[in-house]
Amino acid sequence: MIELLEYSWSVIYLAFAVVIATVATVHAILNKRETRTVIAWIAVIWLGFPVVTSLLYFAFGVNRLRRRGGELQRRLDNAFAVPDLEIPAEIRQQLEQARVRYPRFAQMVDLVRNLTDQPLLPGNRVEPLLNGDQAYPAMLDAIHGARHSISLVTYIFDHDRAGQAFIDALSSARERGVEVRVLVDDVGARYSRTSVVGELCRRGVDCRTFLPTRVPRSVQYANLRNHRKLLAVDGQVAFTGSLNIREGCMLDQQPEYPVQDIHFRLAGPVVTQMQRAFIADWAFASGEVLLGDQWLPQVDFTGDGWARGIPDGPDEDFEKLLLTLLGAIGVAQQRLVIMTPYFLPDSSIVNALSVAALRGVQVDIILPEVNNLRLVQWASTAMLWQVLIRGCRVYLTPPPFDHSKLMLVDDAYVMFGSTNWDPRSLRLNFEYNVECYSALLCEQLTQVVEGRIAKAKVLTLNDVDSRSLAIKLRDGFARLLTPYL
C-alpha cells in the first residue's frame, strides 16, 4: 500500500511538472522577443527541476505589467480630458519652417509622436541645475511657494539632511492647505535605515510606495521599479532629470560619498505631460485619480524650447525610450554625446552607435572612471571594445561618481531624464525622459560636457585589449549578468 501511494504521488508530481513546464515554455515562446532568451529559458525550465525552474520563470522571466484598463483607464481618461493647447499660428509656422530646414529632425518629431501619442510642444523654458547644490534649493523654493498642489515621485528618498529638508517642506505645505502627494519606489525607500515614508505619513503627508515587494505575490514585480524623478508644483513648474534625494548630491557639504548629477527645472506646456505621468503612477499605486485644475491647470508659453515628455516602462510604454534613442542616433550628422553612469548597451544600440561613427559622426561616450557598482563597471568594460573598434570615443571622468544622464545631438537636440543605457532601465524600470529642441540649452549643456571631458581620461582600444587575462575573464563573466545589472 505504501509503495502504491508513493507511486501515485510520483505520477502526480511528474504530471504537474510536465504541465507547469509546458505552460512556462508556451508563455516564453509566445511572449519573449529575443530568440536566444527563449532558448535559454526553455533549457533552464526542462533541464533543471521543472517545477522549481518554471516557478523561477514566472517570478523573474515575466517582466511585463498592465497598469491601465477598465475603470481605472476611464477615470484617467476623464482626468486628462483637458482642451488641447492652442498653438498660435506664428509658432506653427516656425515649426513648419524648421521641418523644411531640418528634415531629419522632422522625421524624429514624427517618430516620437507615433511612439508616445504625445505632441511636441512649444513655449517651454528649460534650465539645467548642477548637483543638489543648485537643484535642491530650487526645488525647495518651489515647494515653499506652492499654493494648490505638489506631486513628487522619486526612486531614492534618503532620510538624511537632504531628505529631512524635503520632509519639512512637504509637511509645511500640507499644513497650509496644499494638496501633497508623494510616491517613492518601495526598493528605493529602503536605501535609508529609517524610511522617509513612515515619517511623511506621521506628519500627515499622503505618501505611498510603488509596487511593494514584501509579500510573496509581489515577487514577480521585484524587478519592475519606478525609477522616475518628477516634481511638479501647482501644475506650472516641474523638475526632472537623474537626481535622487540624498545628501551625497550636495557636494558643497563635502559628503562621505559624493555624487555629481544634473537636474532640470521646466516651465511651459511640457509640465502638463509630466504631471499626467505622475497622475497615472499615483492612480496605480493608490487607486486615487487626481482631478481638477489644481493638478492640471492651463499652462502658458514661457520659453522658446520645443519639448516632449517620454514615459517608458514594462507596461503599455514598453521600449518607447529604446526606439527613441535609436531614432536620435540615426539622425545625428555631426556630433553625438552620451553621458551615463551605467553603459551596458544591447546589440541594437551598439550597432546604431557603430553605424553613426562609420558615417563620420563624432560619437563621444562619457562614463565614470570609478563606478559605484563594480559588477556594472566590469561588465561595461567587457563591452566597450565593440564601440571603440568602430571609432567611438570613450572618456572616463574622475571622482566624484558622475550619475548624470544626458544625450546631445548636433547642437539642436537634448534628451535628459532618469534612464540609464542598460537593460534594467530600458526594459524593466519605469522611467521618464524629456526631449528638447533648443540651441540655447544645447549650448549650455555642451559647456558642461566639455568641462567633464577636459578632466577625463581617454579610454582607447589598446587600453581595453591590454587588460590581463584574469581581468578579461572577470569582466567577461560580469557581462553575463548584464540583463540583471
Protein backbone atom coordinates (compact mmCIF):
# COMPACT_ATOMS: atom_id res chain seq x y z
CA MET A 1 0.00 0.00 0.00
CA ILE A 2 2.81 2.40 0.90
CA GLU A 3 4.58 1.62 -2.36
CA LEU A 4 1.33 2.26 -4.26
CA LEU A 5 0.87 5.66 -2.55
CA GLU A 6 4.47 6.61 -3.29
CA TYR A 7 3.99 5.61 -6.92
CA SER A 8 0.75 7.64 -7.13
CA TRP A 9 2.39 10.74 -5.68
CA SER A 10 5.30 10.35 -8.11
CA VAL A 11 2.90 10.19 -11.04
CA ILE A 12 1.00 13.23 -9.78
CA TYR A 13 4.23 15.19 -9.30
CA LEU A 14 5.51 14.18 -12.72
CA ALA A 15 2.24 15.19 -14.37
CA PHE A 16 2.25 18.53 -12.54
CA ALA A 17 5.88 19.12 -13.51
CA VAL A 18 5.14 18.46 -17.18
CA VAL A 19 2.06 20.70 -17.15
CA ILE A 20 3.73 23.69 -15.43
CA ALA A 21 6.88 23.36 -17.56
CA THR A 22 4.75 23.22 -20.71
CA VAL A 23 2.80 26.31 -19.66
CA ALA A 24 6.05 28.20 -18.94
CA THR A 25 7.51 27.09 -22.27
CA VAL A 26 4.45 28.17 -24.24
CA HIS A 27 4.44 31.53 -22.46
CA ALA A 28 8.14 32.08 -23.29
CA ILE A 29 7.64 31.15 -26.95
CA LEU A 30 4.66 33.47 -27.35
CA ASN A 31 5.94 36.45 -25.36
CA LYS A 32 9.74 36.62 -25.36
CA ARG A 33 11.10 38.76 -28.20
CA GLU A 34 14.70 37.55 -28.43
CA THR A 35 15.25 34.05 -29.76
CA ARG A 36 18.31 33.45 -27.57
CA THR A 37 16.30 34.37 -24.49
CA VAL A 38 13.55 31.92 -25.43
CA ILE A 39 16.08 29.12 -25.96
CA ALA A 40 17.84 29.91 -22.68
CA TRP A 41 14.61 29.86 -20.65
CA ILE A 42 13.38 26.64 -22.25
CA ALA A 43 16.71 24.98 -21.48
CA VAL A 44 16.58 26.15 -17.87
CA ILE A 45 12.96 25.01 -17.48
CA TRP A 46 13.39 21.49 -18.85
CA LEU A 47 16.99 20.65 -17.94
CA GLY A 48 16.67 21.66 -14.29
CA PHE A 49 13.93 20.79 -11.85
CA PRO A 50 10.87 21.70 -13.97
CA VAL A 51 8.64 22.74 -11.07
CA VAL A 52 11.28 24.95 -9.47
CA THR A 53 12.62 26.42 -12.71
CA SER A 54 9.10 27.09 -14.04
CA LEU A 55 8.28 28.99 -10.86
CA LEU A 56 11.53 30.93 -11.28
CA TYR A 57 10.47 31.79 -14.82
CA PHE A 58 7.10 33.15 -13.68
CA ALA A 59 8.80 35.06 -10.86
CA PHE A 60 11.63 36.64 -12.83
CA GLY A 61 11.09 35.93 -16.51
CA VAL A 62 7.69 37.62 -16.82
CA ASN A 63 8.65 41.28 -16.69
CA ARG A 64 5.60 42.94 -18.13
CA LEU A 65 2.86 44.70 -16.22
CA ARG A 66 -0.51 46.00 -17.32
CA ARG A 67 -1.28 49.05 -15.23
CA ARG A 68 -4.20 50.58 -17.08
CA GLY A 69 -7.50 49.14 -18.05
CA GLY A 70 -11.17 49.09 -17.23
CA GLU A 71 -12.45 51.59 -14.71
CA LEU A 72 -9.01 52.98 -13.84
CA GLN A 73 -8.33 53.85 -17.50
CA ARG A 74 -11.74 55.51 -17.85
CA ARG A 75 -11.08 57.61 -14.77
CA LEU A 76 -7.66 58.60 -16.09
CA ASP A 77 -9.16 59.50 -19.45
CA ASN A 78 -11.61 61.73 -17.60
CA ALA A 79 -8.80 63.34 -15.60
CA PHE A 80 -6.83 64.04 -18.77
CA ALA A 81 -9.82 65.44 -20.65
CA VAL A 82 -8.43 68.97 -20.82
CA PRO A 83 -8.62 71.07 -24.00
CA ASP A 84 -5.60 70.81 -26.29
CA LEU A 85 -3.20 73.71 -26.04
CA GLU A 86 -3.97 76.32 -28.67
CA ILE A 87 -0.72 76.94 -30.52
CA PRO A 88 -0.53 80.38 -32.18
CA ALA A 89 -0.27 80.41 -35.96
CA GLU A 90 3.13 82.09 -35.95
CA ILE A 91 4.57 79.30 -33.76
CA ARG A 92 3.11 76.64 -36.03
CA GLN A 93 4.72 78.45 -38.94
CA GLN A 94 8.09 78.36 -37.16
CA LEU A 95 7.75 74.60 -36.76
CA GLU A 96 6.97 74.13 -40.45
CA GLN A 97 9.98 76.25 -41.39
CA ALA A 98 12.14 74.13 -39.10
CA ARG A 99 10.79 70.98 -40.78
CA VAL A 100 11.96 72.26 -44.14
CA ARG A 101 15.37 73.33 -42.83
CA TYR A 102 15.99 70.22 -40.70
CA PRO A 103 14.17 67.33 -42.43
CA ARG A 104 15.91 64.65 -40.41
CA PHE A 105 14.70 66.21 -37.15
CA ALA A 106 11.22 66.46 -38.66
CA GLN A 107 11.34 62.69 -39.01
CA MET A 108 12.45 62.44 -35.39
CA VAL A 109 9.49 64.58 -34.30
CA ASP A 110 7.11 62.27 -36.12
CA LEU A 111 8.81 59.15 -34.78
CA VAL A 112 8.34 60.08 -31.14
CA ARG A 113 4.81 61.34 -31.77
CA ASN A 114 3.89 57.96 -33.26
CA LEU A 115 5.56 56.18 -30.33
CA THR A 116 4.10 58.19 -27.46
CA ASP A 117 0.94 59.68 -28.96
CA GLN A 118 2.06 62.97 -27.38
CA PRO A 119 2.76 66.17 -29.32
CA LEU A 120 6.00 68.10 -29.34
CA LEU A 121 5.05 71.31 -27.51
CA PRO A 122 6.44 74.84 -27.97
CA GLY A 123 6.87 77.56 -25.38
CA ASN A 124 8.94 75.75 -22.76
CA ARG A 125 11.72 77.11 -20.59
CA VAL A 126 14.30 74.51 -19.53
CA GLU A 127 17.08 75.35 -17.07
CA PRO A 128 19.88 72.90 -16.13
CA LEU A 129 20.74 72.64 -12.44
CA LEU A 130 24.06 71.12 -11.39
CA ASN A 131 24.10 68.74 -8.45
CA GLY A 132 21.96 69.03 -5.37
CA ASP A 133 23.70 72.32 -4.60
CA GLN A 134 21.67 74.06 -7.32
CA ALA A 135 18.73 71.69 -7.70
CA TYR A 136 17.61 71.18 -4.10
CA PRO A 137 17.30 74.89 -3.21
CA ALA A 138 15.30 75.48 -6.41
CA MET A 139 13.03 72.51 -5.70
CA LEU A 140 12.53 73.52 -2.06
CA ASP A 141 11.77 77.13 -3.05
CA ALA A 142 9.09 75.86 -5.42
CA ILE A 143 7.60 73.66 -2.67
CA HIS A 144 7.61 76.54 -0.19
CA GLY A 145 5.83 78.70 -2.77
CA ALA A 146 3.17 76.12 -3.66
CA ARG A 147 -0.43 77.27 -3.43
CA HIS A 148 -2.51 74.38 -4.75
CA SER A 149 -0.68 71.10 -5.35
CA ILE A 150 2.61 69.27 -5.11
CA SER A 151 3.33 65.92 -6.77
CA LEU A 152 6.61 64.10 -6.22
CA VAL A 153 7.78 60.71 -7.44
CA THR A 154 11.35 59.57 -6.87
CA TYR A 155 13.38 56.42 -6.72
CA ILE A 156 15.65 57.15 -3.73
CA PHE A 157 14.47 59.44 -0.92
CA ASP A 158 17.01 59.12 1.88
CA HIS A 159 16.33 60.00 5.49
CA ASP A 160 19.34 62.31 5.83
CA ARG A 161 19.97 66.05 5.79
CA ALA A 162 18.73 66.45 2.24
CA GLY A 163 15.72 64.21 2.80
CA GLN A 164 14.79 65.95 6.05
CA ALA A 165 14.70 69.33 4.29
CA PHE A 166 12.19 67.92 1.80
CA ILE A 167 10.14 66.24 4.56
CA ASP A 168 9.89 69.54 6.41
CA ALA A 169 8.96 71.48 3.26
CA LEU A 170 6.32 68.95 2.16
CA SER A 171 4.69 68.71 5.58
CA SER A 172 4.71 72.51 5.90
CA ALA A 173 2.95 72.79 2.54
CA ARG A 174 0.30 70.27 3.64
CA GLU A 175 -0.28 72.21 6.87
CA ARG A 176 -1.06 75.38 4.93
CA GLY A 177 -3.66 73.58 2.80
CA VAL A 178 -1.69 72.49 -0.26
CA GLU A 179 -2.65 69.10 -1.74
CA VAL A 180 0.51 66.97 -1.48
CA ARG A 181 1.11 63.51 -2.96
CA VAL A 182 4.45 61.68 -2.65
CA LEU A 183 5.30 58.38 -4.35
CA VAL A 184 8.56 56.59 -3.52
CA ASP A 185 9.68 53.34 -5.07
CA ASP A 186 9.48 50.57 -2.49
CA VAL A 187 13.07 49.44 -3.09
CA GLY A 188 14.43 52.98 -3.24
CA ALA A 189 12.66 53.84 0.01
CA ARG A 190 14.80 51.25 1.81
CA TYR A 191 18.17 52.77 0.96
CA SER A 192 17.98 54.53 4.33
CA ARG A 193 17.86 52.54 7.55
CA THR A 194 14.93 54.71 8.62
CA SER A 195 12.44 55.09 5.80
CA VAL A 196 11.08 58.54 4.98
CA VAL A 197 7.68 57.01 4.17
CA GLY A 198 6.80 56.45 7.81
CA GLU A 199 7.76 59.98 8.85
CA LEU A 200 5.90 61.60 5.95
CA CYS A 201 2.76 59.64 6.83
CA ARG A 202 3.08 60.50 10.52
CA ARG A 203 3.27 64.17 9.55
CA GLY A 204 0.09 63.93 7.51
CA VAL A 205 1.60 63.79 4.02
CA ASP A 206 -0.14 61.35 1.69
CA CYS A 207 2.82 59.14 0.78
CA ARG A 208 2.74 55.73 -0.92
CA THR A 209 5.31 53.21 -2.12
CA PHE A 210 5.37 51.85 -5.65
CA LEU A 211 4.96 48.06 -6.07
CA PRO A 212 5.72 46.86 -2.53
CA THR A 213 7.79 43.67 -2.62
CA ARG A 214 7.37 42.39 0.93
CA VAL A 215 4.76 39.69 0.24
CA PRO A 216 5.27 36.58 -1.92
CA ARG A 217 2.65 37.52 -4.50
CA SER A 218 4.76 40.55 -5.43
CA VAL A 219 7.95 38.60 -6.16
CA GLN A 220 7.24 38.81 -9.89
CA TYR A 221 7.40 42.61 -9.62
CA ALA A 222 10.72 42.74 -7.72
CA ASN A 223 12.43 43.95 -10.90
CA LEU A 224 9.80 46.46 -12.02
CA ARG A 225 10.94 49.55 -10.18
CA ASN A 226 9.75 53.14 -10.54
CA HIS A 227 13.00 54.93 -11.34
CA ARG A 228 11.36 58.26 -12.27
CA LYS A 229 12.27 61.58 -10.69
CA LEU A 230 9.42 64.08 -11.14
CA LEU A 231 8.39 67.04 -9.03
CA ALA A 232 5.54 69.32 -10.15
CA VAL A 233 4.26 72.34 -8.24
CA ASP A 234 0.81 73.82 -8.95
CA GLY A 235 0.99 72.13 -12.36
CA GLN A 236 3.04 75.12 -13.57
CA VAL A 237 6.67 74.34 -12.81
CA ALA A 238 8.37 70.96 -12.73
CA PHE A 239 11.73 69.35 -12.09
CA THR A 240 13.12 66.18 -13.61
CA GLY A 241 16.41 64.58 -14.50
CA SER A 242 18.56 61.98 -12.78
CA LEU A 243 18.84 63.44 -9.28
CA ASN A 244 17.66 61.38 -6.31
CA ILE A 245 17.05 62.96 -2.92
CA ARG A 246 20.12 62.24 -0.81
CA GLU A 247 22.86 64.34 0.78
CA GLY A 248 25.57 62.69 -1.31
CA CYS A 249 24.47 65.01 -4.14
CA MET A 250 25.20 68.11 -2.03
CA LEU A 251 28.85 68.48 -3.00
CA ASP A 252 29.27 71.77 -1.14
CA GLN A 253 28.61 69.87 2.09
CA GLN A 254 31.53 67.52 1.36
CA PRO A 255 29.54 64.30 1.87
CA GLU A 256 31.22 60.97 2.57
CA TYR A 257 30.05 59.53 -0.77
CA PRO A 258 29.78 62.49 -3.20
CA VAL A 259 27.77 62.15 -6.42
CA GLN A 260 27.71 64.54 -9.39
CA ASP A 261 24.41 64.93 -11.21
CA ILE A 262 22.28 67.13 -13.46
CA HIS A 263 18.67 68.06 -12.90
CA PHE A 264 16.35 70.43 -14.79
CA ARG A 265 13.68 73.00 -13.96
CA LEU A 266 10.94 73.25 -16.58
CA ALA A 267 8.06 75.62 -17.17
CA GLY A 268 5.58 75.57 -20.02
CA PRO A 269 3.20 73.09 -21.63
CA VAL A 270 5.51 70.09 -21.18
CA VAL A 271 4.79 70.30 -17.44
CA THR A 272 1.28 69.04 -18.17
CA GLN A 273 2.71 65.93 -19.82
CA MET A 274 4.93 65.34 -16.81
CA GLN A 275 2.01 65.79 -14.42
CA ARG A 276 -0.04 63.26 -16.37
CA ALA A 277 2.71 60.70 -15.90
CA PHE A 278 2.60 61.26 -12.16
CA ILE A 279 -1.20 61.05 -12.06
CA ALA A 280 -1.07 57.65 -13.81
CA ASP A 281 1.62 56.39 -11.41
CA TRP A 282 -0.32 57.65 -8.40
CA ALA A 283 -3.56 56.10 -9.60
CA PHE A 284 -1.84 52.73 -9.98
CA ALA A 285 -0.21 52.91 -6.54
CA SER A 286 -3.14 54.34 -4.57
CA GLY A 287 -6.32 53.92 -6.63
CA GLU A 288 -6.90 57.70 -6.42
CA VAL A 289 -7.24 59.64 -9.67
CA LEU A 290 -6.25 63.27 -9.16
CA LEU A 291 -8.82 65.57 -10.74
CA GLY A 292 -9.25 69.30 -11.09
CA ASP A 293 -7.40 72.43 -12.11
CA GLN A 294 -5.10 72.23 -9.09
CA TRP A 295 -3.42 69.25 -10.76
CA LEU A 296 -3.87 70.00 -14.47
CA PRO A 297 -4.28 73.76 -14.94
CA GLN A 298 -3.91 75.63 -18.20
CA VAL A 299 -0.23 76.36 -18.78
CA ASP A 300 1.11 79.31 -20.75
CA PHE A 301 4.00 79.54 -23.21
CA THR A 302 7.01 80.69 -21.19
CA GLY A 303 10.10 79.99 -23.30
CA ASP A 304 11.45 79.17 -26.75
CA GLY A 305 12.13 75.45 -26.31
CA TRP A 306 10.16 72.69 -28.01
CA ALA A 307 9.82 69.77 -25.60
CA ARG A 308 8.01 66.49 -25.08
CA GLY A 309 7.87 64.02 -22.20
CA ILE A 310 8.59 60.35 -22.93
CA PRO A 311 7.32 57.81 -20.38
CA ASP A 312 8.83 54.35 -20.58
CA GLY A 313 8.25 51.14 -18.68
CA PRO A 314 7.39 47.44 -18.77
CA ASP A 315 3.73 48.20 -19.44
CA GLU A 316 1.94 49.97 -22.27
CA ASP A 317 5.03 52.18 -22.69
CA PHE A 318 7.42 49.25 -23.29
CA GLU A 319 10.59 50.12 -25.27
CA LYS A 320 9.42 53.60 -26.23
CA LEU A 321 12.65 55.09 -24.94
CA LEU A 322 14.84 52.47 -26.64
CA LEU A 323 13.26 53.24 -30.01
CA THR A 324 13.61 56.97 -29.35
CA LEU A 325 17.33 56.57 -28.62
CA LEU A 326 17.81 54.57 -31.81
CA GLY A 327 15.97 57.26 -33.76
CA ALA A 328 18.09 60.05 -32.26
CA ILE A 329 21.32 58.17 -33.03
CA GLY A 330 20.13 57.68 -36.59
CA VAL A 331 19.51 61.40 -37.26
CA ALA A 332 22.90 62.57 -35.89
CA GLN A 333 25.14 64.08 -38.55
CA GLN A 334 27.93 65.95 -36.76
CA ARG A 335 28.22 65.02 -33.10
CA LEU A 336 26.53 62.67 -30.67
CA VAL A 337 27.26 62.93 -26.93
CA ILE A 338 26.16 60.30 -24.41
CA MET A 339 26.68 60.80 -20.69
CA THR A 340 25.55 57.95 -18.45
CA PRO A 341 26.73 56.25 -15.24
CA TYR A 342 25.83 52.76 -16.47
CA PHE A 343 26.62 51.79 -20.07
CA LEU A 344 25.50 48.25 -20.91
CA PRO A 345 24.03 48.64 -24.39
CA ASP A 346 22.29 45.83 -26.23
CA SER A 347 23.25 44.84 -29.77
CA SER A 348 20.79 47.27 -31.36
CA ILE A 349 22.38 50.26 -29.62
CA VAL A 350 25.93 49.02 -30.27
CA ASN A 351 25.14 48.65 -33.95
CA ALA A 352 23.46 52.07 -34.15
CA LEU A 353 26.44 53.79 -32.49
CA SER A 354 28.85 51.90 -34.75
CA VAL A 355 26.94 52.92 -37.86
CA ALA A 356 26.87 56.57 -36.70
CA ALA A 357 30.63 56.57 -36.14
CA LEU A 358 31.23 54.92 -39.52
CA ARG A 359 29.08 57.62 -41.14
CA GLY A 360 31.50 60.22 -39.79
CA VAL A 361 29.56 61.31 -36.72
CA GLN A 362 31.75 62.18 -33.74
CA VAL A 363 30.40 59.84 -31.04
CA ASP A 364 31.53 60.77 -27.52
CA ILE A 365 30.59 58.46 -24.63
CA ILE A 366 31.28 59.87 -21.15
CA LEU A 367 31.39 57.40 -18.26
CA PRO A 368 32.64 57.49 -14.64
CA GLU A 369 36.19 56.26 -14.21
CA VAL A 370 35.20 54.65 -10.89
CA ASN A 371 31.68 53.26 -10.87
CA ASN A 372 29.69 52.86 -7.66
CA LEU A 373 28.74 49.33 -8.82
CA ARG A 374 31.80 47.18 -9.52
CA LEU A 375 29.92 44.50 -11.44
CA VAL A 376 28.50 47.14 -13.77
CA GLN A 377 31.93 48.65 -14.37
CA TRP A 378 33.43 45.23 -15.13
CA ALA A 379 30.59 44.27 -17.48
CA SER A 380 30.70 47.65 -19.22
CA THR A 381 34.45 47.40 -19.76
CA ALA A 382 33.96 43.98 -21.36
CA MET A 383 31.64 45.55 -23.95
CA LEU A 384 33.43 48.79 -24.78
CA TRP A 385 35.66 47.30 -27.47
CA GLN A 386 32.56 46.93 -29.66
CA VAL A 387 32.14 50.70 -29.96
CA LEU A 388 35.81 51.63 -29.71
CA ILE A 389 36.71 49.46 -32.68
CA ARG A 390 34.24 51.44 -34.84
CA GLY A 391 35.65 54.84 -33.91
CA CYS A 392 33.51 55.93 -30.97
CA ARG A 393 35.41 57.85 -28.30
CA VAL A 394 35.11 56.93 -24.62
CA TYR A 395 36.02 59.33 -21.80
CA LEU A 396 36.33 58.32 -18.15
CA THR A 397 35.61 61.14 -15.70
CA PRO A 398 37.44 61.21 -12.34
CA PRO A 399 35.62 61.09 -8.99
CA PRO A 400 33.25 62.11 -7.64
CA PHE A 401 30.99 59.49 -9.23
CA ASP A 402 29.00 61.06 -12.09
CA HIS A 403 25.33 59.99 -12.10
CA SER A 404 24.33 62.37 -14.93
CA LYS A 405 22.20 61.05 -17.79
CA LEU A 406 22.30 63.14 -20.93
CA MET A 407 22.26 62.91 -24.73
CA LEU A 408 23.11 65.70 -27.19
CA VAL A 409 22.67 65.55 -30.95
CA ASP A 410 24.12 68.12 -33.39
CA ASP A 411 23.77 71.19 -31.16
CA ALA A 412 20.00 71.06 -31.58
CA TYR A 413 18.54 68.09 -29.67
CA VAL A 414 18.74 67.23 -25.97
CA MET A 415 17.49 64.18 -24.12
CA PHE A 416 17.58 64.07 -20.32
CA GLY A 417 15.83 62.14 -17.59
CA SER A 418 16.09 59.06 -15.41
CA THR A 419 17.09 56.38 -17.94
CA ASN A 420 20.46 54.64 -17.92
CA TRP A 421 21.84 52.94 -21.02
CA ASP A 422 21.34 49.44 -19.61
CA PRO A 423 18.73 46.66 -19.85
CA ARG A 424 17.26 47.38 -16.42
CA SER A 425 16.37 50.94 -17.35
CA LEU A 426 15.35 50.20 -20.93
CA ARG A 427 13.27 47.07 -20.25
CA LEU A 428 12.43 46.67 -16.55
CA ASN A 429 12.15 50.07 -14.87
CA PHE A 430 9.51 52.76 -15.15
CA GLU A 431 11.43 55.76 -16.46
CA TYR A 432 10.70 59.31 -17.59
CA ASN A 433 12.71 61.43 -20.01
CA VAL A 434 12.26 64.73 -21.79
CA GLU A 435 13.41 65.53 -25.31
CA CYS A 436 14.01 69.17 -26.15
CA TYR A 437 14.86 71.05 -29.32
CA SER A 438 16.74 74.14 -28.18
CA ALA A 439 20.02 75.59 -29.46
CA LEU A 440 20.43 77.59 -26.23
CA LEU A 441 20.01 74.54 -23.99
CA CYS A 442 22.41 72.58 -26.19
CA GLU A 443 24.98 75.33 -25.86
CA GLN A 444 24.64 75.38 -22.06
CA LEU A 445 24.96 71.60 -21.78
CA THR A 446 27.83 71.44 -24.26
CA GLN A 447 29.78 73.66 -21.87
CA VAL A 448 29.06 71.18 -19.07
CA VAL A 449 30.12 68.28 -21.28
CA GLU A 450 33.35 69.96 -22.38
CA GLY A 451 34.17 70.66 -18.75
CA ARG A 452 33.79 66.96 -17.94
CA ILE A 453 35.84 65.90 -20.98
CA ALA A 454 38.65 68.34 -20.09
CA LYS A 455 39.15 66.46 -16.81
CA ALA A 456 38.55 62.99 -18.22
CA LYS A 457 40.87 60.19 -19.24
CA VAL A 458 40.57 58.94 -22.81
CA LEU A 459 39.99 55.18 -22.95
CA THR A 460 41.46 53.58 -26.06
CA LEU A 461 41.01 50.21 -27.69
CA ASN A 462 44.58 49.39 -26.70
CA ASP A 463 43.69 50.08 -23.04
CA VAL A 464 40.88 47.56 -23.23
CA ASP A 465 42.90 44.98 -25.14
CA SER A 466 45.89 45.23 -22.79
CA ARG A 467 43.98 44.03 -19.74
CA SER A 468 45.38 40.85 -18.25
CA LEU A 469 43.67 37.54 -18.99
CA ALA A 470 42.39 37.32 -15.43
CA ILE A 471 40.80 40.77 -15.67
CA LYS A 472 39.28 39.98 -19.06
CA LEU A 473 37.74 36.80 -17.67
CA ARG A 474 36.41 38.66 -14.64
CA ASP A 475 34.86 41.34 -16.84
CA GLY A 476 33.54 38.75 -19.26
CA PHE A 477 31.79 36.78 -16.54
CA ALA A 478 30.30 40.02 -15.18
CA ARG A 479 28.98 40.73 -18.67
CA LEU A 480 26.89 37.55 -18.47
CA LEU A 481 24.89 39.26 -15.73
CA THR A 482 24.09 42.25 -17.97
CA PRO A 483 20.31 41.55 -18.15
CA TYR A 484 20.12 41.83 -14.36
CA LEU A 485 22.51 44.74 -13.67
